């Protein structure tokens, strides 16, 4: 990708790094309250990407779709829990969705030269 990134791409990447850091904290702590922080980062990423004609952000769309779709599924899955209790099956589903998001984050970071 280009060495010169647009302001939109820079803001998108700030949110991507924020999402990654929050996921790291979620994996280490198990604190499901961090999904709120993740949700905010994902919403901002989506707003930046879909409000921009930047070619870099357009090229990242397939990986972004993975992040957005899997996060939507996390929200739906969490809404099915009774009083916020996460049973083993729900945890397995959450882990798979989080893994998919993590993989897409790494792929985007590699595509823009962050890793």
Protein backbone atom coordinates (compact mmCIF):
# COMPACT_ATOMS: atom_id res chain seq x y z
CA UNK A 1 0.00 0.00 0.00
CA UNK A 2 1.00 3.64 -0.28
CA UNK A 3 3.46 5.15 2.16
CA UNK A 4 1.31 8.30 2.19
CA UNK A 5 -1.93 7.48 3.95
CA UNK A 6 -4.97 9.72 3.86
CA UNK A 7 -6.45 11.15 7.04
CA UNK A 8 -9.35 8.71 6.64
CA UNK A 9 -6.98 5.76 6.47
CA UNK A 10 -4.99 7.05 9.43
CA UNK A 11 -8.18 7.40 11.52
CA UNK A 12 -9.32 3.96 10.43
CA UNK A 13 -5.98 2.51 11.53
CA UNK A 14 -6.16 4.31 14.89
CA UNK A 15 -9.49 2.57 15.49
CA UNK A 16 -8.07 -0.74 14.24
CA UNK A 17 -5.24 -0.51 16.77
CA UNK A 18 -7.79 0.42 19.45
CA UNK A 19 -9.89 -2.62 18.52
CA UNK A 20 -6.83 -4.86 18.63
CA UNK A 21 -5.77 -3.56 22.05
CA UNK A 22 -9.25 -4.02 23.44
CA UNK A 23 -9.42 -7.56 22.10
CA UNK A 24 -6.06 -8.33 23.69
CA UNK A 25 -7.36 -7.06 27.01
CA UNK A 26 -10.60 -9.03 26.58
CA UNK A 27 -8.68 -12.25 25.89
CA UNK A 28 -6.46 -11.78 28.94
CA UNK A 29 -9.14 -10.60 31.38
CA UNK A 30 -12.37 -12.18 30.14
CA UNK A 31 -14.10 -8.88 30.94
CA UNK A 32 -17.15 -8.88 28.66
CA UNK A 33 -17.75 -5.20 29.45
CA UNK A 34 -14.96 -4.57 26.92
CA UNK A 35 -17.39 -5.46 24.13
CA UNK A 36 -18.74 -1.91 24.53
CA UNK A 37 -15.28 -0.49 23.76
CA UNK A 38 -14.94 -2.87 20.82
CA UNK A 39 -18.35 -1.83 19.54
CA UNK A 40 -17.34 1.84 19.58
CA UNK A 41 -14.12 1.13 17.66
CA UNK A 42 -15.94 -1.01 15.08
CA UNK A 43 -18.62 1.65 14.56
CA UNK A 44 -15.96 4.33 14.03
CA UNK A 45 -14.04 2.10 11.62
CA UNK A 46 -17.23 1.48 9.64
CA UNK A 47 -18.14 5.18 9.57
CA UNK A 48 -14.69 6.19 8.36
CA UNK A 49 -14.49 3.46 5.75
CA UNK A 50 -17.96 3.97 4.33
CA UNK A 51 -17.66 7.75 4.36
CA UNK A 52 -14.47 7.71 2.30
CA UNK A 53 -13.52 7.22 -1.33
CA UNK A 54 -9.95 6.32 -0.29
CA UNK A 55 -8.60 3.50 -2.46
CA UNK A 56 -6.72 1.95 0.50
CA UNK A 57 -9.94 1.63 2.49
CA UNK A 58 -11.73 0.24 -0.56
CA UNK A 59 -9.01 -2.40 -0.92
CA UNK A 60 -9.48 -3.41 2.71
CA UNK A 61 -13.22 -3.94 2.32
CA UNK A 62 -13.19 -7.77 2.29
CA UNK A 63 -11.34 -7.93 5.62
CA UNK A 64 -13.51 -5.14 7.02
CA UNK A 65 -16.61 -7.13 6.08
CA UNK A 66 -15.25 -10.00 8.19
CA UNK A 67 -14.81 -7.67 11.18
CA UNK A 68 -18.23 -6.03 10.83
CA UNK A 69 -20.10 -9.28 10.18
CA UNK A 70 -18.47 -11.20 13.01
CA UNK A 71 -18.96 -8.35 15.44
CA UNK A 72 -22.65 -8.16 14.50
CA UNK A 73 -22.87 -11.88 15.26
CA UNK A 74 -21.19 -11.32 18.65
CA UNK A 75 -23.82 -8.72 19.52
CA UNK A 76 -26.61 -11.09 18.45
CA UNK A 77 -25.07 -13.96 20.41
CA UNK A 78 -24.70 -11.86 23.56
CA UNK A 79 -28.34 -10.77 23.30
CA UNK A 80 -29.40 -14.43 23.50
CA UNK A 81 -27.75 -14.98 26.88
CA UNK A 82 -29.90 -15.04 29.98
CA UNK A 83 -28.98 -12.18 32.28
CA UNK A 84 -25.53 -11.95 30.68
CA UNK A 85 -24.53 -15.48 31.69
CA UNK A 86 -22.22 -16.99 29.09
CA UNK A 87 -22.41 -20.77 29.00
CA UNK A 88 -19.85 -23.07 27.38
CA UNK A 89 -21.58 -23.15 23.98
CA UNK A 90 -21.89 -19.37 23.88
CA UNK A 91 -18.23 -19.03 24.89
CA UNK A 92 -17.18 -21.36 22.09
CA UNK A 93 -19.15 -19.27 19.59
CA UNK A 94 -17.71 -16.02 20.94
CA UNK A 95 -14.18 -17.41 20.74
CA UNK A 96 -14.65 -18.38 17.08
CA UNK A 97 -16.09 -14.97 16.16
CA UNK A 98 -13.31 -13.17 18.04
CA UNK A 99 -10.72 -15.34 16.30
CA UNK A 100 -12.19 -14.37 12.91
CA UNK A 101 -12.01 -10.67 13.84
CA UNK A 102 -8.46 -11.05 15.13
CA UNK A 103 -7.36 -12.72 11.90
CA UNK A 104 -8.92 -9.93 9.80
CA UNK A 105 -7.22 -7.28 11.99
CA UNK A 106 -3.85 -8.96 11.42
CA UNK A 107 -4.51 -9.20 7.67
CA UNK A 108 -5.35 -5.49 7.48
CA UNK A 109 -2.30 -4.56 9.56
CA UNK A 110 -0.10 -6.60 7.21
CA UNK A 111 -1.71 -5.08 4.12
CA UNK A 112 -0.91 -1.53 5.27
CA UNK A 113 2.55 -2.41 6.54
CA UNK A 114 1.92 -2.22 10.28
CA UNK A 115 3.29 -5.74 10.81
